Amino acid sequence: MSRAHLLRTTVPAHPSRASGVRAMVAEHLTHLGLSPERLDNAVLATDELFANALRHGSPHPGGTITVSVECAERELRVTVADRSCALPRRRTADDAEESGRGLAIVAALTDDWGIAPPDPGTTGKQVWFTLVLEGMP
């Protein structure tokens, strides 16, 4: 299945970049004709993966995070890559915890998600999610 890149950007692994990443993803996805709810779900899921990459995948100053948005046939795929080889794990967070719900949120908002090895020649991992593009020809 051939995928067309709509967006691929690498940004410094810094919390100040989160709002810019959300805005970029939202701007690129508006052209796909997603319902407002699906658009919000995609942006929120991207934000959760970016936050996880910040917290767990970029422990060193000068680290970067790459965000890719691809579209193939009737599927949108968003991938967030960082340089850490530590794999994320979905936890069951109790109500008293302030963190640990990111992957559960991603799973609830998207049609599928997973973890992939890094691109050739790089280290780390890629965490991705997909959304079915309903109403596409």
C-alpha atoms as a PDB file:
ATOM      1  CA  MET A   1       0.000   0.000   0.000  1.00  0.00           C
ATOM      2  CA  SER A   2       1.554   3.277  -1.088  1.00  0.00           C
ATOM      3  CA  ARG A   3       1.405   6.171   1.343  1.00  0.00           C
ATOM      4  CA  ALA A   4       1.577   9.843   0.494  1.00  0.00           C
ATOM      5  CA  HIS A   5       3.339  12.051   3.033  1.00  0.00           C
ATOM      6  CA  LEU A   6       1.224  15.024   3.979  1.00  0.00           C
ATOM      7  CA  LEU A   7       3.651  16.207   6.641  1.00  0.00           C
ATOM      8  CA  ARG A   8       7.019  15.174   8.031  1.00  0.00           C
ATOM      9  CA  THR A   9       8.742  17.463  10.474  1.00  0.00           C
ATOM     10  CA  THR A  10      11.473  17.089  13.055  1.00  0.00           C
ATOM     11  CA  VAL A  11      11.358  19.431  16.022  1.00  0.00           C
ATOM     12  CA  PRO A  12      13.437  19.894  19.166  1.00  0.00           C
ATOM     13  CA  ALA A  13      12.238  17.674  22.004  1.00  0.00           C
ATOM     14  CA  HIS A  14      10.950  20.536  24.126  1.00  0.00           C
ATOM     15  CA  PRO A  15       7.505  21.087  25.671  1.00  0.00           C
ATOM     16  CA  SER A  16       7.266  24.515  24.026  1.00  0.00           C
ATOM     17  CA  ARG A  17       6.952  22.747  20.641  1.00  0.00           C
ATOM     18  CA  ALA A  18       3.753  20.844  21.518  1.00  0.00           C
ATOM     19  CA  SER A  19       1.312  23.597  20.526  1.00  0.00           C
ATOM     20  CA  GLY A  20       3.091  24.103  17.200  1.00  0.00           C
ATOM     21  CA  VAL A  21       2.924  20.382  16.444  1.00  0.00           C
ATOM     22  CA  ARG A  22      -0.811  20.332  17.243  1.00  0.00           C
ATOM     23  CA  ALA A  23      -1.413  23.333  14.970  1.00  0.00           C
ATOM     24  CA  MET A  24       0.626  21.841  12.089  1.00  0.00           C
ATOM     25  CA  VAL A  25      -1.183  18.518  12.272  1.00  0.00           C
ATOM     26  CA  ALA A  26      -4.603  20.185  12.486  1.00  0.00           C
ATOM     27  CA  GLU A  27      -3.813  22.386   9.482  1.00  0.00           C
ATOM     28  CA  HIS A  28      -2.716  19.443   7.351  1.00  0.00           C
ATOM     29  CA  LEU A  29      -5.677  17.294   8.346  1.00  0.00           C
ATOM     30  CA  THR A  30      -8.338  19.910   7.594  1.00  0.00           C
ATOM     31  CA  HIS A  31      -7.851  19.185   3.890  1.00  0.00           C
ATOM     32  CA  LEU A  32      -8.893  15.538   4.306  1.00  0.00           C
ATOM     33  CA  GLY A  33     -12.509  16.313   5.097  1.00  0.00           C
ATOM     34  CA  LEU A  34     -12.503  14.628   8.500  1.00  0.00           C
ATOM     35  CA  SER A  35     -15.470  15.294  10.735  1.00  0.00           C
ATOM     36  CA  PRO A  36     -14.700  17.802  13.505  1.00  0.00           C
ATOM     37  CA  GLU A  37     -14.728  14.967  16.051  1.00  0.00           C
ATOM     38  CA  ARG A  38     -12.292  12.801  14.038  1.00  0.00           C
ATOM     39  CA  LEU A  39     -10.037  15.823  13.473  1.00  0.00           C
ATOM     40  CA  ASP A  40     -10.007  16.567  17.208  1.00  0.00           C
ATOM     41  CA  ASN A  41      -9.295  12.886  17.954  1.00  0.00           C
ATOM     42  CA  ALA A  42      -6.328  12.859  15.559  1.00  0.00           C
ATOM     43  CA  VAL A  43      -4.866  16.059  17.015  1.00  0.00           C
ATOM     44  CA  LEU A  44      -5.333  14.878  20.610  1.00  0.00           C
ATOM     45  CA  ALA A  45      -3.837  11.456  19.871  1.00  0.00           C
ATOM     46  CA  THR A  46      -0.846  13.143  18.194  1.00  0.00           C
ATOM     47  CA  ASP A  47      -0.453  15.384  21.238  1.00  0.00           C
ATOM     48  CA  GLU A  48      -0.464  12.357  23.544  1.00  0.00           C
ATOM     49  CA  LEU A  49       2.224  10.589  21.495  1.00  0.00           C
ATOM     50  CA  PHE A  50       4.301  13.786  21.374  1.00  0.00           C
ATOM     51  CA  ALA A  51       3.987  14.191  25.159  1.00  0.00           C
ATOM     52  CA  ASN A  52       5.066  10.566  25.664  1.00  0.00           C
ATOM     53  CA  ALA A  53       8.067  11.090  23.380  1.00  0.00           C
ATOM     54  CA  LEU A  54       9.011  14.179  25.384  1.00  0.00           C
ATOM     55  CA  ARG A  55       8.673  12.485  28.733  1.00  0.00           C
ATOM     56  CA  HIS A  56      10.061   9.040  27.968  1.00  0.00           C
ATOM     57  CA  GLY A  57      11.838   9.156  24.625  1.00  0.00           C
ATOM     58  CA  SER A  58      14.010  12.242  24.670  1.00  0.00           C
ATOM     59  CA  PRO A  59      15.861  12.329  27.958  1.00  0.00           C
ATOM     60  CA  HIS A  60      18.923  14.177  26.667  1.00  0.00           C
ATOM     61  CA  PRO A  61      19.212  17.869  25.830  1.00  0.00           C
ATOM     62  CA  GLY A  62      19.301  18.449  22.104  1.00  0.00           C
ATOM     63  CA  GLY A  63      17.008  15.519  21.344  1.00  0.00           C
ATOM     64  CA  THR A  64      14.501  15.634  18.518  1.00  0.00           C
ATOM     65  CA  ILE A  65      11.090  14.183  17.749  1.00  0.00           C
ATOM     66  CA  THR A  66       9.824  13.491  14.231  1.00  0.00           C
ATOM     67  CA  VAL A  67       6.124  13.669  13.432  1.00  0.00           C
ATOM     68  CA  SER A  68       4.837  12.170  10.176  1.00  0.00           C
ATOM     69  CA  VAL A  69       1.328  12.318   8.761  1.00  0.00           C
ATOM     70  CA  GLU A  70       0.583   9.943   5.881  1.00  0.00           C
ATOM     71  CA  CYS A  71      -2.508   9.046   3.937  1.00  0.00           C
ATOM     72  CA  ALA A  72      -3.108   5.823   2.015  1.00  0.00           C
ATOM     73  CA  GLU A  73      -6.334   4.860   0.351  1.00  0.00           C
ATOM     74  CA  ARG A  74      -8.846   5.235   3.186  1.00  0.00           C
ATOM     75  CA  GLU A  75      -6.451   5.429   6.121  1.00  0.00           C
ATOM     76  CA  LEU A  76      -4.642   8.208   7.922  1.00  0.00           C
ATOM     77  CA  ARG A  77      -1.470   7.265   9.791  1.00  0.00           C
ATOM     78  CA  VAL A  78       0.352   9.531  12.227  1.00  0.00           C
ATOM     79  CA  THR A  79       3.771   8.458  13.502  1.00  0.00           C
ATOM     80  CA  VAL A  80       5.826  10.032  16.280  1.00  0.00           C
ATOM     81  CA  ALA A  81       9.473   8.920  16.410  1.00  0.00           C
ATOM     82  CA  ASP A  82      12.027   9.540  19.130  1.00  0.00           C
ATOM     83  CA  ARG A  83      15.581   8.368  19.784  1.00  0.00           C
ATOM     84  CA  SER A  84      14.907   6.142  22.803  1.00  0.00           C
ATOM     85  CA  CYS A  85      14.859   2.375  22.343  1.00  0.00           C
ATOM     86  CA  ALA A  86      12.697   1.996  25.476  1.00  0.00           C
ATOM     87  CA  LEU A  87       9.320   0.715  24.329  1.00  0.00           C
ATOM     88  CA  PRO A  88       6.170   2.305  25.695  1.00  0.00           C
ATOM     89  CA  ARG A  89       3.682   0.145  27.482  1.00  0.00           C
ATOM     90  CA  ARG A  90       0.040   0.732  27.986  1.00  0.00           C
ATOM     91  CA  ARG A  91      -0.650   0.982  31.685  1.00  0.00           C
ATOM     92  CA  THR A  92      -3.832   0.874  33.627  1.00  0.00           C
ATOM     93  CA  ALA A  93      -3.704   4.074  35.627  1.00  0.00           C
ATOM     94  CA  ASP A  94      -5.840   4.449  38.673  1.00  0.00           C
ATOM     95  CA  ASP A  95      -7.806   7.657  39.169  1.00  0.00           C
ATOM     96  CA  ALA A  96      -5.284   9.072  41.660  1.00  0.00           C
ATOM     97  CA  GLU A  97      -2.409   9.119  39.151  1.00  0.00           C
ATOM     98  CA  GLU A  98      -1.757  12.258  37.158  1.00  0.00           C
ATOM     99  CA  SER A  99      -0.020  10.461  34.306  1.00  0.00           C
ATOM    100  CA  GLY A 100       0.062   7.088  32.621  1.00  0.00           C
ATOM    101  CA  ARG A 101      -3.110   7.381  30.568  1.00  0.00           C
ATOM    102  CA  GLY A 102      -1.575   8.523  27.259  1.00  0.00           C
ATOM    103  CA  LEU A 103      -1.654   5.245  25.350  1.00  0.00           C
ATOM    104  CA  ALA A 104      -5.098   4.394  26.732  1.00  0.00           C
ATOM    105  CA  ILE A 105      -6.313   7.738  25.381  1.00  0.00           C
ATOM    106  CA  VAL A 106      -4.686   7.046  21.999  1.00  0.00           C
ATOM    107  CA  ALA A 107      -6.337   3.607  21.889  1.00  0.00           C
ATOM    108  CA  ALA A 108      -9.742   5.116  22.705  1.00  0.00           C
ATOM    109  CA  LEU A 109      -9.506   7.883  20.088  1.00  0.00           C
ATOM    110  CA  THR A 110      -8.092   5.948  17.141  1.00  0.00           C
ATOM    111  CA  ASP A 111      -8.841   2.835  15.114  1.00  0.00           C
ATOM    112  CA  ASP A 112      -5.459   1.203  15.749  1.00  0.00           C
ATOM    113  CA  TRP A 113      -2.032   2.009  17.202  1.00  0.00           C
ATOM    114  CA  GLY A 114       1.292   0.313  17.645  1.00  0.00           C
ATOM    115  CA  ILE A 115       5.057   0.485  17.835  1.00  0.00           C
ATOM    116  CA  ALA A 116       7.508   0.117  14.952  1.00  0.00           C
ATOM    117  CA  PRO A 117      11.297   0.008  14.714  1.00  0.00           C
ATOM    118  CA  PRO A 118      13.080   3.203  13.724  1.00  0.00           C
ATOM    119  CA  ASP A 119      13.731   4.204  10.143  1.00  0.00           C
ATOM    120  CA  PRO A 120      16.882   2.622   8.686  1.00  0.00           C
ATOM    121  CA  GLY A 121      20.040   4.362   9.849  1.00  0.00           C
ATOM    122  CA  THR A 122      18.439   5.806  12.985  1.00  0.00           C
ATOM    123  CA  THR A 123      17.939   4.663  16.560  1.00  0.00           C
ATOM    124  CA  GLY A 124      14.863   4.702  18.731  1.00  0.00           C
ATOM    125  CA  LYS A 125      11.293   3.771  17.917  1.00  0.00           C
ATOM    126  CA  GLN A 126       8.164   4.943  16.185  1.00  0.00           C
ATOM    127  CA  VAL A 127       4.745   4.976  17.835  1.00  0.00           C
ATOM    128  CA  TRP A 128       1.860   5.305  15.400  1.00  0.00           C
ATOM    129  CA  PHE A 129      -1.899   5.399  15.154  1.00  0.00           C
ATOM    130  CA  THR A 130      -4.357   5.071  12.313  1.00  0.00           C
ATOM    131  CA  LEU A 131      -7.797   6.463  11.595  1.00  0.00           C
ATOM    132  CA  VAL A 132     -10.096   5.176   8.875  1.00  0.00           C
ATOM    133  CA  LEU A 133     -11.077   8.010   6.563  1.00  0.00           C
ATOM    134  CA  GLU A 134     -14.797   7.524   6.272  1.00  0.00           C
ATOM    135  CA  GLY A 135     -16.504   8.826   3.172  1.00  0.00           C
ATOM    136  CA  MET A 136     -13.349   8.743   1.042  1.00  0.00           C
ATOM    137  CA  PRO A 137     -13.828   7.434  -2.523  1.00  0.00           C
END
